[in-house]
N, C-alpha and C. Protein backbone atom coordinates (compact mmCIF):
# COMPACT_ATOMS: atom_id res chain seq x y z
N MET A 1 -38.22 1.53 -44.18
CA MET A 1 -39.05 0.97 -43.12
C MET A 1 -38.21 0.11 -42.14
N ARG A 2 -37.25 -0.66 -42.68
CA ARG A 2 -36.39 -1.46 -41.85
C ARG A 2 -35.53 -0.59 -40.93
N VAL A 3 -35.11 0.55 -41.41
CA VAL A 3 -34.27 1.43 -40.58
C VAL A 3 -35.09 1.90 -39.39
N ILE A 4 -36.35 2.31 -39.62
CA ILE A 4 -37.22 2.77 -38.54
C ILE A 4 -37.45 1.66 -37.52
N LEU A 5 -37.77 0.46 -38.03
CA LEU A 5 -37.99 -0.64 -37.12
C LEU A 5 -36.71 -1.01 -36.35
N SER A 6 -35.58 -0.94 -36.98
CA SER A 6 -34.29 -1.19 -36.30
C SER A 6 -34.04 -0.15 -35.20
N CYS A 7 -34.29 1.09 -35.52
CA CYS A 7 -34.14 2.18 -34.53
C CYS A 7 -35.08 2.00 -33.33
N LEU A 8 -36.35 1.66 -33.62
CA LEU A 8 -37.30 1.42 -32.54
C LEU A 8 -36.89 0.23 -31.70
N LEU A 9 -36.35 -0.78 -32.30
CA LEU A 9 -35.89 -1.97 -31.58
C LEU A 9 -34.70 -1.61 -30.68
N VAL A 10 -33.78 -0.85 -31.18
CA VAL A 10 -32.63 -0.42 -30.38
C VAL A 10 -33.08 0.45 -29.18
N VAL A 11 -33.98 1.40 -29.48
CA VAL A 11 -34.49 2.26 -28.38
C VAL A 11 -35.25 1.41 -27.32
N GLY A 12 -36.08 0.50 -27.79
CA GLY A 12 -36.80 -0.40 -26.89
C GLY A 12 -35.93 -1.24 -26.03
N LEU A 13 -34.88 -1.83 -26.66
CA LEU A 13 -33.90 -2.61 -25.85
C LEU A 13 -33.17 -1.74 -24.85
N GLY A 14 -32.81 -0.53 -25.24
CA GLY A 14 -32.15 0.38 -24.37
C GLY A 14 -33.01 0.72 -23.17
N ILE A 15 -34.27 0.92 -23.37
CA ILE A 15 -35.20 1.21 -22.23
C ILE A 15 -35.33 -0.02 -21.34
N VAL A 16 -35.48 -1.16 -21.91
CA VAL A 16 -35.62 -2.40 -21.10
C VAL A 16 -34.35 -2.70 -20.32
N CYS A 17 -33.20 -2.48 -20.93
CA CYS A 17 -31.93 -2.76 -20.28
C CYS A 17 -31.41 -1.64 -19.36
N ALA A 18 -32.06 -0.52 -19.37
CA ALA A 18 -31.59 0.63 -18.57
C ALA A 18 -31.41 0.34 -17.09
N PRO A 19 -32.36 -0.33 -16.43
CA PRO A 19 -32.16 -0.60 -14.99
C PRO A 19 -30.99 -1.55 -14.75
N ALA A 20 -30.80 -2.52 -15.63
CA ALA A 20 -29.70 -3.46 -15.43
C ALA A 20 -28.32 -2.77 -15.54
N PHE A 21 -28.20 -1.76 -16.37
CA PHE A 21 -26.97 -1.00 -16.52
C PHE A 21 -26.61 -0.29 -15.24
N LEU A 22 -27.59 0.16 -14.49
CA LEU A 22 -27.32 0.90 -13.25
C LEU A 22 -26.76 0.01 -12.15
N ALA A 23 -27.05 -1.26 -12.17
CA ALA A 23 -26.66 -2.18 -11.11
C ALA A 23 -25.20 -2.65 -11.31
N TYR A 24 -24.28 -1.76 -11.15
CA TYR A 24 -22.86 -2.03 -11.28
C TYR A 24 -22.30 -2.65 -10.01
N SER A 25 -21.45 -3.64 -10.16
CA SER A 25 -20.77 -4.28 -9.00
C SER A 25 -19.37 -4.66 -9.37
N TYR A 26 -18.43 -4.45 -8.48
CA TYR A 26 -17.06 -4.85 -8.68
C TYR A 26 -16.51 -5.30 -7.32
N SER A 27 -16.26 -6.56 -7.22
CA SER A 27 -15.76 -7.13 -5.94
C SER A 27 -14.28 -7.10 -5.87
N ILE A 28 -13.78 -6.81 -4.66
CA ILE A 28 -12.35 -6.94 -4.39
C ILE A 28 -12.26 -7.60 -3.01
N ASP A 29 -11.11 -8.21 -2.76
CA ASP A 29 -10.91 -8.87 -1.46
C ASP A 29 -10.76 -7.89 -0.36
N LYS A 30 -10.01 -8.24 0.61
CA LYS A 30 -9.79 -7.44 1.83
C LYS A 30 -9.42 -6.01 1.44
N VAL A 31 -10.08 -5.06 2.10
CA VAL A 31 -9.87 -3.63 1.89
C VAL A 31 -9.61 -2.92 3.21
N ASP A 32 -9.15 -1.66 3.12
CA ASP A 32 -8.93 -0.91 4.35
C ASP A 32 -10.21 -0.50 5.04
N CYS A 33 -11.26 -0.18 4.24
CA CYS A 33 -12.54 0.25 4.82
C CYS A 33 -13.67 -0.02 3.93
N VAL A 34 -14.87 -0.07 4.51
CA VAL A 34 -16.13 -0.14 3.78
C VAL A 34 -16.75 1.28 3.94
N VAL A 35 -17.12 1.86 2.82
CA VAL A 35 -17.74 3.23 2.82
C VAL A 35 -19.16 3.13 2.46
N MET A 36 -20.00 3.53 3.40
CA MET A 36 -21.45 3.54 3.14
C MET A 36 -21.88 4.92 2.71
N MET A 37 -22.55 4.96 1.58
CA MET A 37 -23.10 6.21 1.05
C MET A 37 -24.50 6.38 1.64
N VAL A 38 -24.76 7.52 2.26
CA VAL A 38 -26.05 7.73 2.92
C VAL A 38 -27.18 7.94 1.94
N GLY A 39 -28.30 7.58 2.30
CA GLY A 39 -29.55 7.76 1.57
C GLY A 39 -30.67 7.45 2.50
N ASP A 40 -31.43 6.40 2.17
CA ASP A 40 -32.49 5.99 3.10
C ASP A 40 -31.90 5.31 4.34
N GLY A 41 -30.64 5.00 4.30
CA GLY A 41 -29.92 4.61 5.51
C GLY A 41 -29.99 3.12 5.89
N GLY A 42 -31.07 2.67 6.48
CA GLY A 42 -31.15 1.36 7.12
C GLY A 42 -30.65 0.16 6.31
N ASP A 43 -31.19 0.02 5.11
CA ASP A 43 -30.79 -1.11 4.28
C ASP A 43 -29.33 -1.01 3.80
N ARG A 44 -28.89 0.20 3.55
CA ARG A 44 -27.49 0.40 3.16
C ARG A 44 -26.58 0.09 4.35
N PHE A 45 -26.97 0.54 5.53
CA PHE A 45 -26.15 0.28 6.72
C PHE A 45 -26.05 -1.22 6.96
N LYS A 46 -27.13 -1.95 6.85
CA LYS A 46 -27.11 -3.43 7.03
C LYS A 46 -26.17 -4.08 5.99
N GLY A 47 -26.18 -3.59 4.74
CA GLY A 47 -25.31 -4.15 3.72
C GLY A 47 -23.84 -3.87 4.03
N ALA A 48 -23.53 -2.64 4.48
CA ALA A 48 -22.16 -2.27 4.79
C ALA A 48 -21.68 -3.07 6.03
N GLU A 49 -22.54 -3.20 7.04
CA GLU A 49 -22.24 -3.93 8.24
C GLU A 49 -21.97 -5.40 7.92
N GLN A 50 -22.75 -5.96 6.98
CA GLN A 50 -22.58 -7.37 6.59
C GLN A 50 -21.19 -7.56 5.99
N LEU A 51 -20.73 -6.63 5.15
CA LEU A 51 -19.40 -6.77 4.55
C LEU A 51 -18.33 -6.76 5.62
N VAL A 52 -18.50 -5.90 6.63
CA VAL A 52 -17.50 -5.86 7.77
C VAL A 52 -17.52 -7.18 8.48
N GLU A 53 -18.75 -7.73 8.77
CA GLU A 53 -18.88 -8.97 9.49
C GLU A 53 -18.30 -10.15 8.71
N GLU A 54 -18.37 -10.06 7.37
CA GLU A 54 -17.81 -11.12 6.51
C GLU A 54 -16.28 -11.01 6.39
N GLY A 55 -15.68 -9.99 6.97
CA GLY A 55 -14.24 -9.88 7.03
C GLY A 55 -13.61 -9.13 5.88
N TYR A 56 -14.37 -8.43 5.08
CA TYR A 56 -13.76 -7.61 4.01
C TYR A 56 -12.94 -6.46 4.59
N SER A 57 -13.32 -5.95 5.71
CA SER A 57 -12.62 -4.84 6.36
C SER A 57 -12.89 -4.82 7.81
N GLU A 58 -12.10 -4.07 8.55
CA GLU A 58 -12.32 -3.91 9.98
C GLU A 58 -12.76 -2.49 10.32
N VAL A 59 -13.13 -1.72 9.24
CA VAL A 59 -13.51 -0.33 9.45
C VAL A 59 -14.69 0.03 8.55
N LEU A 60 -15.66 0.76 9.17
CA LEU A 60 -16.83 1.23 8.44
C LEU A 60 -16.82 2.75 8.46
N LEU A 61 -16.87 3.37 7.30
CA LEU A 61 -16.92 4.87 7.22
C LEU A 61 -18.28 5.31 6.71
N ILE A 62 -18.80 6.34 7.32
CA ILE A 62 -19.99 6.98 6.77
C ILE A 62 -19.63 8.46 6.61
N PRO A 63 -19.13 8.81 5.38
CA PRO A 63 -18.62 10.14 5.17
C PRO A 63 -19.60 11.29 5.35
N ALA A 64 -20.89 11.03 5.04
CA ALA A 64 -21.90 12.09 5.15
C ALA A 64 -22.00 12.63 6.60
N TYR A 65 -21.70 11.80 7.57
CA TYR A 65 -21.78 12.20 8.97
C TYR A 65 -20.42 12.27 9.64
N ASN A 66 -19.33 12.15 8.89
CA ASN A 66 -17.99 12.16 9.42
C ASN A 66 -17.83 11.08 10.52
N LYS A 67 -18.37 9.89 10.25
CA LYS A 67 -18.36 8.84 11.28
C LYS A 67 -17.51 7.66 10.81
N VAL A 68 -16.89 7.03 11.77
CA VAL A 68 -16.05 5.85 11.53
C VAL A 68 -16.28 4.85 12.72
N ALA A 69 -16.34 3.59 12.39
CA ALA A 69 -16.48 2.53 13.45
C ALA A 69 -15.43 1.48 13.12
N PHE A 70 -14.78 0.98 14.15
CA PHE A 70 -13.78 -0.10 14.06
C PHE A 70 -14.31 -1.35 14.63
N VAL A 71 -13.90 -2.49 14.10
CA VAL A 71 -14.26 -3.80 14.63
C VAL A 71 -13.60 -4.03 15.95
N GLU A 72 -14.38 -4.48 16.91
CA GLU A 72 -13.89 -4.83 18.23
C GLU A 72 -14.20 -6.30 18.44
N GLU A 73 -13.84 -6.84 19.62
CA GLU A 73 -14.07 -8.25 19.88
C GLU A 73 -15.53 -8.65 19.74
N ALA A 74 -16.44 -7.78 20.17
CA ALA A 74 -17.86 -8.11 20.15
C ALA A 74 -18.53 -7.72 18.83
N GLY A 75 -17.78 -7.31 17.84
CA GLY A 75 -18.36 -6.89 16.57
C GLY A 75 -18.01 -5.43 16.27
N LEU A 76 -18.84 -4.78 15.49
CA LEU A 76 -18.58 -3.41 15.11
C LEU A 76 -18.78 -2.49 16.29
N GLY A 77 -17.77 -1.66 16.59
CA GLY A 77 -17.85 -0.80 17.73
C GLY A 77 -18.71 0.41 17.50
N GLU A 78 -18.72 1.32 18.46
CA GLU A 78 -19.50 2.54 18.40
C GLU A 78 -18.95 3.48 17.30
N MET A 79 -19.82 4.23 16.68
CA MET A 79 -19.44 5.16 15.64
C MET A 79 -18.73 6.37 16.30
N ASP A 80 -17.55 6.67 15.84
CA ASP A 80 -16.82 7.86 16.33
C ASP A 80 -16.86 8.96 15.31
N TYR A 81 -16.79 10.19 15.76
CA TYR A 81 -16.80 11.34 14.90
C TYR A 81 -15.37 11.63 14.43
N VAL A 82 -15.16 11.86 13.13
CA VAL A 82 -13.88 12.25 12.59
C VAL A 82 -13.93 13.74 12.32
N LYS A 83 -13.09 14.47 13.01
CA LYS A 83 -13.11 15.93 12.84
C LYS A 83 -12.49 16.32 11.51
N MET A 84 -13.27 16.92 10.63
CA MET A 84 -12.86 17.31 9.28
C MET A 84 -13.41 18.66 8.93
N ALA A 85 -12.66 19.38 8.13
CA ALA A 85 -13.20 20.62 7.58
C ALA A 85 -14.26 20.23 6.52
N PRO A 86 -15.29 21.03 6.39
CA PRO A 86 -16.35 20.68 5.38
C PRO A 86 -15.75 20.66 3.97
N VAL A 87 -16.32 19.74 3.14
CA VAL A 87 -15.90 19.65 1.76
C VAL A 87 -16.88 20.53 0.95
N VAL A 88 -16.35 21.42 0.21
CA VAL A 88 -17.20 22.25 -0.64
C VAL A 88 -16.61 22.21 -2.05
N GLY A 89 -17.46 21.79 -2.98
CA GLY A 89 -17.01 21.69 -4.35
C GLY A 89 -16.70 23.08 -4.92
N LYS A 90 -15.73 23.13 -5.85
CA LYS A 90 -15.43 24.42 -6.46
C LYS A 90 -16.61 24.95 -7.24
N PRO A 91 -16.99 26.22 -6.94
CA PRO A 91 -18.09 26.79 -7.71
C PRO A 91 -17.64 27.13 -9.13
N VAL A 92 -18.56 27.12 -10.06
CA VAL A 92 -18.31 27.41 -11.47
C VAL A 92 -18.86 28.80 -11.77
N SER A 93 -18.07 29.62 -12.45
CA SER A 93 -18.55 30.93 -12.83
C SER A 93 -19.21 30.89 -14.21
N PHE A 94 -20.34 31.60 -14.26
CA PHE A 94 -21.04 31.65 -15.52
C PHE A 94 -21.77 33.01 -15.58
N MET A 95 -21.43 33.78 -16.61
CA MET A 95 -22.01 35.10 -16.79
C MET A 95 -21.91 35.98 -15.55
N GLY A 96 -20.76 35.95 -14.89
CA GLY A 96 -20.50 36.81 -13.77
C GLY A 96 -21.03 36.29 -12.44
N ARG A 97 -21.69 35.16 -12.44
CA ARG A 97 -22.22 34.60 -11.22
C ARG A 97 -21.54 33.27 -10.93
N ARG A 98 -21.46 32.89 -9.64
CA ARG A 98 -20.82 31.64 -9.24
C ARG A 98 -21.91 30.67 -8.82
N TYR A 99 -21.83 29.41 -9.32
CA TYR A 99 -22.84 28.41 -9.06
C TYR A 99 -22.19 27.17 -8.43
N ARG A 100 -22.89 26.54 -7.51
CA ARG A 100 -22.45 25.27 -6.93
C ARG A 100 -23.04 24.19 -7.83
N VAL A 101 -22.22 23.41 -8.45
CA VAL A 101 -22.70 22.44 -9.44
C VAL A 101 -22.58 21.00 -8.91
N PHE A 102 -21.76 20.78 -7.90
CA PHE A 102 -21.54 19.42 -7.42
C PHE A 102 -22.84 18.88 -6.77
N GLU A 103 -23.17 17.65 -7.12
CA GLU A 103 -24.32 16.99 -6.48
C GLU A 103 -23.82 16.47 -5.13
N ASN A 104 -24.81 16.20 -4.22
CA ASN A 104 -24.51 15.82 -2.88
C ASN A 104 -23.70 14.51 -2.82
N THR A 105 -24.02 13.54 -3.70
CA THR A 105 -23.29 12.31 -3.69
C THR A 105 -21.81 12.50 -4.03
N HIS A 106 -21.53 13.42 -4.92
CA HIS A 106 -20.14 13.70 -5.30
C HIS A 106 -19.42 14.36 -4.09
N LEU A 107 -20.08 15.27 -3.41
CA LEU A 107 -19.49 15.89 -2.23
C LEU A 107 -19.25 14.85 -1.13
N GLU A 108 -20.19 13.92 -0.97
CA GLU A 108 -20.05 12.85 0.00
C GLU A 108 -18.84 11.97 -0.28
N MET A 109 -18.62 11.66 -1.55
CA MET A 109 -17.49 10.83 -1.96
C MET A 109 -16.21 11.62 -1.78
N LEU A 110 -16.19 12.91 -2.02
CA LEU A 110 -15.01 13.71 -1.75
C LEU A 110 -14.66 13.72 -0.28
N LYS A 111 -15.69 13.78 0.55
CA LYS A 111 -15.45 13.74 1.96
C LYS A 111 -14.95 12.38 2.37
N GLY A 112 -15.47 11.32 1.77
CA GLY A 112 -14.96 9.95 2.10
C GLY A 112 -13.53 9.79 1.73
N LYS A 113 -13.09 10.35 0.61
CA LYS A 113 -11.70 10.29 0.21
C LYS A 113 -10.81 11.07 1.25
N LYS A 114 -11.34 12.20 1.67
CA LYS A 114 -10.59 13.04 2.61
C LYS A 114 -10.39 12.26 3.99
N ILE A 115 -11.45 11.59 4.41
CA ILE A 115 -11.34 10.80 5.62
C ILE A 115 -10.40 9.62 5.44
N MET A 116 -10.52 8.95 4.28
CA MET A 116 -9.62 7.84 4.00
C MET A 116 -8.18 8.32 4.01
N ASP A 117 -7.87 9.47 3.40
CA ASP A 117 -6.53 9.99 3.40
C ASP A 117 -6.02 10.31 4.82
N LYS A 118 -6.93 10.89 5.60
CA LYS A 118 -6.57 11.24 6.99
C LYS A 118 -6.20 9.94 7.77
N LEU A 119 -6.93 8.88 7.52
CA LEU A 119 -6.69 7.59 8.22
C LEU A 119 -5.62 6.73 7.52
N GLY A 120 -5.15 7.17 6.39
CA GLY A 120 -4.08 6.42 5.69
C GLY A 120 -4.54 5.23 4.89
N TYR A 121 -5.83 5.22 4.48
CA TYR A 121 -6.41 4.12 3.75
C TYR A 121 -6.30 4.32 2.24
N ARG A 122 -6.06 3.22 1.53
CA ARG A 122 -5.87 3.29 0.06
C ARG A 122 -6.83 2.36 -0.69
N SER A 123 -7.72 1.65 0.03
CA SER A 123 -8.66 0.76 -0.66
C SER A 123 -9.99 0.75 0.10
N ALA A 124 -11.08 0.55 -0.65
CA ALA A 124 -12.39 0.59 -0.02
C ALA A 124 -13.41 -0.16 -0.88
N ILE A 125 -14.51 -0.58 -0.26
CA ILE A 125 -15.69 -1.02 -0.96
C ILE A 125 -16.79 -0.02 -0.66
N ILE A 126 -17.35 0.51 -1.73
CA ILE A 126 -18.42 1.49 -1.58
C ILE A 126 -19.77 0.77 -1.63
N VAL A 127 -20.62 1.06 -0.66
CA VAL A 127 -21.94 0.38 -0.53
C VAL A 127 -23.03 1.42 -0.68
N SER A 128 -24.04 1.06 -1.48
CA SER A 128 -25.22 1.90 -1.63
C SER A 128 -26.34 1.08 -2.19
N SER A 129 -27.40 1.73 -2.68
CA SER A 129 -28.53 1.09 -3.28
C SER A 129 -28.18 0.56 -4.69
N PRO A 130 -28.82 -0.48 -5.14
CA PRO A 130 -28.45 -1.06 -6.47
C PRO A 130 -28.56 -0.05 -7.59
N TYR A 131 -29.58 0.80 -7.62
CA TYR A 131 -29.76 1.73 -8.72
C TYR A 131 -28.69 2.81 -8.73
N HIS A 132 -27.99 3.04 -7.58
CA HIS A 132 -27.00 4.12 -7.51
C HIS A 132 -25.59 3.71 -7.87
N MET A 133 -25.38 2.43 -8.08
CA MET A 133 -24.01 1.93 -8.20
C MET A 133 -23.27 2.43 -9.43
N ARG A 134 -23.92 2.52 -10.58
CA ARG A 134 -23.24 3.00 -11.80
C ARG A 134 -22.79 4.41 -11.62
N ARG A 135 -23.64 5.27 -11.05
CA ARG A 135 -23.23 6.64 -10.82
C ARG A 135 -22.08 6.76 -9.84
N LEU A 136 -22.09 5.91 -8.80
CA LEU A 136 -20.98 5.92 -7.85
C LEU A 136 -19.71 5.50 -8.51
N GLN A 137 -19.78 4.55 -9.39
CA GLN A 137 -18.58 4.07 -10.13
C GLN A 137 -18.00 5.25 -10.97
N LEU A 138 -18.89 6.02 -11.62
CA LEU A 138 -18.39 7.15 -12.43
C LEU A 138 -17.79 8.23 -11.55
N ILE A 139 -18.44 8.53 -10.47
CA ILE A 139 -17.92 9.59 -9.56
C ILE A 139 -16.61 9.13 -8.92
N ALA A 140 -16.52 7.86 -8.53
CA ALA A 140 -15.31 7.35 -7.88
C ALA A 140 -14.12 7.41 -8.84
N GLY A 141 -14.36 7.18 -10.10
CA GLY A 141 -13.31 7.32 -11.10
C GLY A 141 -12.73 8.71 -11.14
N LYS A 142 -13.60 9.70 -10.97
CA LYS A 142 -13.12 11.11 -10.97
C LYS A 142 -12.45 11.45 -9.63
N VAL A 143 -13.02 11.00 -8.52
CA VAL A 143 -12.52 11.35 -7.18
C VAL A 143 -11.21 10.56 -6.84
N PHE A 144 -11.22 9.31 -7.03
CA PHE A 144 -10.08 8.50 -6.57
C PHE A 144 -9.03 8.27 -7.63
N GLY A 145 -9.37 8.26 -8.87
CA GLY A 145 -8.40 8.04 -9.95
C GLY A 145 -7.84 6.62 -9.82
N ASP A 146 -6.62 6.45 -10.26
CA ASP A 146 -5.99 5.12 -10.28
C ASP A 146 -5.13 4.86 -9.05
N ASP A 147 -5.06 5.79 -8.13
CA ASP A 147 -4.22 5.66 -6.92
C ASP A 147 -4.81 4.81 -5.81
N TYR A 148 -6.09 4.45 -5.94
CA TYR A 148 -6.82 3.69 -4.87
C TYR A 148 -7.41 2.46 -5.51
N ARG A 149 -7.60 1.45 -4.66
CA ARG A 149 -8.36 0.25 -5.09
C ARG A 149 -9.77 0.40 -4.54
N ILE A 150 -10.74 0.52 -5.43
CA ILE A 150 -12.12 0.78 -5.05
C ILE A 150 -13.01 -0.35 -5.60
N GLY A 151 -13.80 -0.92 -4.74
CA GLY A 151 -14.82 -1.91 -5.15
C GLY A 151 -16.19 -1.35 -4.93
N PHE A 152 -17.19 -2.00 -5.51
CA PHE A 152 -18.58 -1.51 -5.39
C PHE A 152 -19.49 -2.69 -5.09
N GLN A 153 -20.32 -2.48 -4.12
CA GLN A 153 -21.28 -3.56 -3.72
C GLN A 153 -22.62 -2.95 -3.33
N ALA A 154 -23.65 -3.32 -4.04
CA ALA A 154 -24.99 -2.88 -3.66
C ALA A 154 -25.48 -3.63 -2.41
N THR A 155 -26.22 -2.98 -1.60
CA THR A 155 -26.76 -3.67 -0.39
C THR A 155 -27.69 -4.76 -0.85
N PRO A 156 -27.56 -5.98 -0.32
CA PRO A 156 -28.50 -7.05 -0.73
C PRO A 156 -29.85 -6.97 0.00
N PHE A 157 -30.02 -5.99 0.85
CA PHE A 157 -31.25 -5.85 1.67
C PHE A 157 -32.27 -4.93 1.01
N GLU A 158 -31.92 -4.37 -0.14
CA GLU A 158 -32.85 -3.47 -0.82
C GLU A 158 -33.36 -4.15 -2.10
N LYS A 159 -34.66 -4.10 -2.29
CA LYS A 159 -35.26 -4.78 -3.45
C LYS A 159 -34.76 -4.16 -4.74
N TYR A 160 -34.51 -5.02 -5.69
CA TYR A 160 -34.02 -4.60 -7.01
C TYR A 160 -34.49 -5.59 -8.03
N ASP A 161 -35.17 -5.12 -9.05
CA ASP A 161 -35.69 -5.96 -10.11
C ASP A 161 -35.55 -5.17 -11.41
N THR A 162 -34.74 -5.69 -12.29
CA THR A 162 -34.47 -4.94 -13.53
C THR A 162 -35.70 -4.75 -14.37
N LEU A 163 -36.58 -5.71 -14.42
CA LEU A 163 -37.81 -5.51 -15.19
C LEU A 163 -38.93 -4.96 -14.36
N GLY A 164 -38.81 -5.19 -13.01
CA GLY A 164 -39.85 -4.68 -12.09
C GLY A 164 -39.96 -3.19 -12.02
N CYS A 165 -38.93 -2.49 -12.45
CA CYS A 165 -38.97 -1.02 -12.38
C CYS A 165 -40.10 -0.45 -13.30
N PHE A 166 -40.54 -1.28 -14.21
CA PHE A 166 -41.60 -0.81 -15.14
C PHE A 166 -43.00 -1.12 -14.57
N ARG A 167 -43.03 -1.80 -13.42
CA ARG A 167 -44.34 -2.18 -12.84
C ARG A 167 -44.85 -1.09 -11.89
N SER A 168 -44.03 -0.22 -11.37
CA SER A 168 -44.51 0.83 -10.46
C SER A 168 -43.83 2.15 -10.89
N TRP A 169 -44.65 3.19 -10.70
CA TRP A 169 -44.15 4.54 -11.06
C TRP A 169 -42.94 4.94 -10.19
N GLU A 170 -42.93 4.58 -8.88
CA GLU A 170 -41.87 4.93 -7.97
C GLU A 170 -40.54 4.33 -8.42
N ALA A 171 -40.59 3.03 -8.76
CA ALA A 171 -39.32 2.36 -9.24
C ALA A 171 -38.88 2.96 -10.54
N PHE A 172 -39.79 3.21 -11.47
CA PHE A 172 -39.42 3.84 -12.76
C PHE A 172 -38.82 5.23 -12.51
N GLU A 173 -39.40 5.96 -11.56
CA GLU A 173 -38.90 7.30 -11.25
C GLU A 173 -37.46 7.21 -10.68
N ASN A 174 -37.16 6.20 -9.90
CA ASN A 174 -35.77 6.02 -9.41
C ASN A 174 -34.80 5.84 -10.53
N VAL A 175 -35.18 4.99 -11.52
CA VAL A 175 -34.29 4.76 -12.68
C VAL A 175 -34.13 6.05 -13.49
N ARG A 176 -35.23 6.70 -13.78
CA ARG A 176 -35.22 7.94 -14.55
C ARG A 176 -34.33 8.98 -13.90
N SER A 177 -34.53 9.18 -12.58
CA SER A 177 -33.74 10.22 -11.88
C SER A 177 -32.24 9.85 -11.81
N GLU A 178 -31.94 8.55 -11.77
CA GLU A 178 -30.51 8.16 -11.78
C GLU A 178 -29.85 8.55 -13.09
N TYR A 179 -30.58 8.30 -14.21
CA TYR A 179 -30.02 8.69 -15.53
C TYR A 179 -29.87 10.19 -15.64
N LEU A 180 -30.81 10.93 -15.07
CA LEU A 180 -30.66 12.40 -15.12
C LEU A 180 -29.45 12.85 -14.29
N LYS A 181 -29.25 12.21 -13.13
CA LYS A 181 -28.09 12.58 -12.30
C LYS A 181 -26.76 12.18 -12.95
N ILE A 182 -26.78 11.02 -13.64
CA ILE A 182 -25.55 10.61 -14.39
C ILE A 182 -25.27 11.59 -15.49
N GLY A 183 -26.33 12.01 -16.20
CA GLY A 183 -26.16 13.03 -17.25
C GLY A 183 -25.57 14.34 -16.69
N TRP A 184 -26.15 14.78 -15.57
CA TRP A 184 -25.65 16.04 -14.99
C TRP A 184 -24.23 15.89 -14.54
N PHE A 185 -23.84 14.74 -13.95
CA PHE A 185 -22.46 14.54 -13.55
C PHE A 185 -21.52 14.55 -14.75
N LEU A 186 -21.92 13.89 -15.84
CA LEU A 186 -21.06 13.83 -17.02
C LEU A 186 -20.88 15.24 -17.62
N VAL A 187 -21.90 16.08 -17.52
CA VAL A 187 -21.76 17.48 -18.01
C VAL A 187 -20.83 18.29 -17.12
N TYR A 188 -21.14 18.33 -15.82
CA TYR A 188 -20.35 19.27 -14.97
C TYR A 188 -18.96 18.72 -14.67
N SER A 189 -18.73 17.43 -14.78
CA SER A 189 -17.38 16.90 -14.46
C SER A 189 -16.32 17.33 -15.46
N TRP A 190 -16.74 17.81 -16.63
CA TRP A 190 -15.79 18.35 -17.60
C TRP A 190 -15.17 19.67 -17.12
N PHE A 191 -15.90 20.36 -16.25
CA PHE A 191 -15.51 21.71 -15.89
C PHE A 191 -14.86 21.83 -14.49
N VAL A 192 -14.91 20.70 -13.71
CA VAL A 192 -14.38 20.76 -12.36
C VAL A 192 -13.18 19.79 -12.22
């Protein structure tokens, strides 16, 4: 009976702590660029822009749109287009068919690395929603390896409550889908 209660306690604690695990953050000082991962956009952009205004970098990259903005005297300048070949993940063959297994966030990070390489940058802070940060940390480890200095910062303009995710179905669904995406990444990353 104690074993069953112990197992139920561990599972219960795991469920309660699941949202907190997703909120990964790693601060680093001055970097070459701030990289904003696209999603709902507005709140993430404000968070990335705030890091630039606070002096962490003088460059903002938005890899999903091949855009870059540099700091000018009056603040962040206009977004310029960076001409790049599209990034396409290697397809995986299974039973004679080829499948695209890379998720969009992984492709976006690969594009960000490609833009950073083109501009000669070796350090960045990646900005996204709080629930996405753990997955971004895992993907960045695969994409950038040890040759780059990468920090992670969730936008402070997006609501995040570790226990609040159990109060609404939408917030719970965000946490659940993040764990499914992390699981999928951990599976396919062995093969690419």
